Amino acid sequence: MDYVAALVPPVVMAIAFTALVVTIVKSQGGANKAKEDAIVDAALARVDAAQQSSKPAGA
């Protein structure tokens, strides 16, 4: 019975990891993809604008 106790944790972790990967793959794309992309683009534009405004005029 020791072999069962030794195999249970890796099997449980493998199942959990597989479920995590499936969830990540399923959440890619879909109806919210454009909205999520727009949010990321807006955040990147805001960071870029902040970096541009913080540079000295002579640099």
C-alpha atoms as a PDB file:
ATOM      1  CA  MET A   1       0.000   0.000   0.000  1.00  0.00           C
ATOM      2  CA  ASP A   2       2.997   2.315   0.270  1.00  0.00           C
ATOM      3  CA  TYR A   3       3.145   2.575  -3.505  1.00  0.00           C
ATOM      4  CA  VAL A   4      -0.410   3.945  -3.576  1.00  0.00           C
ATOM      5  CA  ALA A   5       0.490   6.608  -1.027  1.00  0.00           C
ATOM      6  CA  ALA A   6       3.584   7.464  -3.059  1.00  0.00           C
ATOM      7  CA  LEU A   7       1.663   7.771  -6.339  1.00  0.00           C
ATOM      8  CA  VAL A   8      -1.331   9.799  -5.150  1.00  0.00           C
ATOM      9  CA  PRO A   9       0.353  13.244  -4.822  1.00  0.00           C
ATOM     10  CA  PRO A  10       1.951  13.212  -8.309  1.00  0.00           C
ATOM     11  CA  VAL A  11      -1.288  12.013  -9.882  1.00  0.00           C
ATOM     12  CA  VAL A  12      -3.294  14.736  -8.122  1.00  0.00           C
ATOM     13  CA  MET A  13      -0.769  17.390  -9.206  1.00  0.00           C
ATOM     14  CA  ALA A  14      -0.843  16.112 -12.806  1.00  0.00           C
ATOM     15  CA  ILE A  15      -4.640  16.333 -12.871  1.00  0.00           C
ATOM     16  CA  ALA A  16      -4.576  19.826 -11.360  1.00  0.00           C
ATOM     17  CA  PHE A  17      -1.939  21.002 -13.841  1.00  0.00           C
ATOM     18  CA  THR A  18      -3.915  19.588 -16.760  1.00  0.00           C
ATOM     19  CA  ALA A  19      -7.050  21.356 -15.536  1.00  0.00           C
ATOM     20  CA  LEU A  20      -5.094  24.614 -15.235  1.00  0.00           C
ATOM     21  CA  VAL A  21      -3.771  24.336 -18.787  1.00  0.00           C
ATOM     22  CA  VAL A  22      -7.225  23.525 -20.148  1.00  0.00           C
ATOM     23  CA  THR A  23      -8.698  26.535 -18.329  1.00  0.00           C
ATOM     24  CA  ILE A  24      -5.999  28.847 -19.695  1.00  0.00           C
ATOM     25  CA  VAL A  25      -6.466  27.587 -23.252  1.00  0.00           C
ATOM     26  CA  LYS A  26     -10.256  27.896 -23.064  1.00  0.00           C
ATOM     27  CA  SER A  27     -10.042  31.450 -21.733  1.00  0.00           C
ATOM     28  CA  GLN A  28      -7.958  32.638 -24.692  1.00  0.00           C
ATOM     29  CA  GLY A  29      -9.926  34.458 -27.358  1.00  0.00           C
ATOM     30  CA  GLY A  30     -13.668  34.472 -27.284  1.00  0.00           C
ATOM     31  CA  ALA A  31     -16.073  37.341 -26.883  1.00  0.00           C
ATOM     32  CA  ASN A  32     -13.937  39.301 -24.423  1.00  0.00           C
ATOM     33  CA  LYS A  33     -10.708  39.158 -26.445  1.00  0.00           C
ATOM     34  CA  ALA A  34     -11.221  42.530 -28.146  1.00  0.00           C
ATOM     35  CA  LYS A  35     -12.130  44.178 -24.846  1.00  0.00           C
ATOM     36  CA  GLU A  36      -9.090  42.702 -23.091  1.00  0.00           C
ATOM     37  CA  ASP A  37      -6.814  43.730 -25.963  1.00  0.00           C
ATOM     38  CA  ALA A  38      -8.181  47.277 -25.835  1.00  0.00           C
ATOM     39  CA  ILE A  39      -7.488  47.504 -22.091  1.00  0.00           C
ATOM     40  CA  VAL A  40      -3.904  46.311 -22.550  1.00  0.00           C
ATOM     41  CA  ASP A  41      -3.347  48.686 -25.481  1.00  0.00           C
ATOM     42  CA  ALA A  42      -4.667  51.611 -23.434  1.00  0.00           C
ATOM     43  CA  ALA A  43      -2.394  50.733 -20.503  1.00  0.00           C
ATOM     44  CA  LEU A  44       0.639  50.470 -22.783  1.00  0.00           C
ATOM     45  CA  ALA A  45      -0.196  53.791 -24.435  1.00  0.00           C
ATOM     46  CA  ARG A  46      -0.517  55.425 -20.998  1.00  0.00           C
ATOM     47  CA  VAL A  47       2.903  54.088 -19.926  1.00  0.00           C
ATOM     48  CA  ASP A  48       4.468  55.195 -23.201  1.00  0.00           C
ATOM     49  CA  ALA A  49       2.985  58.680 -22.868  1.00  0.00           C
ATOM     50  CA  ALA A  50       4.267  58.952 -19.293  1.00  0.00           C
ATOM     51  CA  GLN A  51       7.745  57.966 -20.408  1.00  0.00           C
ATOM     52  CA  GLN A  52       7.697  60.470 -23.261  1.00  0.00           C
ATOM     53  CA  SER A  53       6.579  63.305 -20.985  1.00  0.00           C
ATOM     54  CA  SER A  54       9.220  62.536 -18.338  1.00  0.00           C
ATOM     55  CA  LYS A  55      12.147  62.854 -20.767  1.00  0.00           C
ATOM     56  CA  PRO A  56      13.982  66.197 -20.683  1.00  0.00           C
ATOM     57  CA  ALA A  57      13.441  68.467 -23.699  1.00  0.00           C
ATOM     58  CA  GLY A  58      17.143  68.495 -24.660  1.00  0.00           C
ATOM     59  CA  ALA A  59      17.629  64.727 -24.582  1.00  0.00           C
END
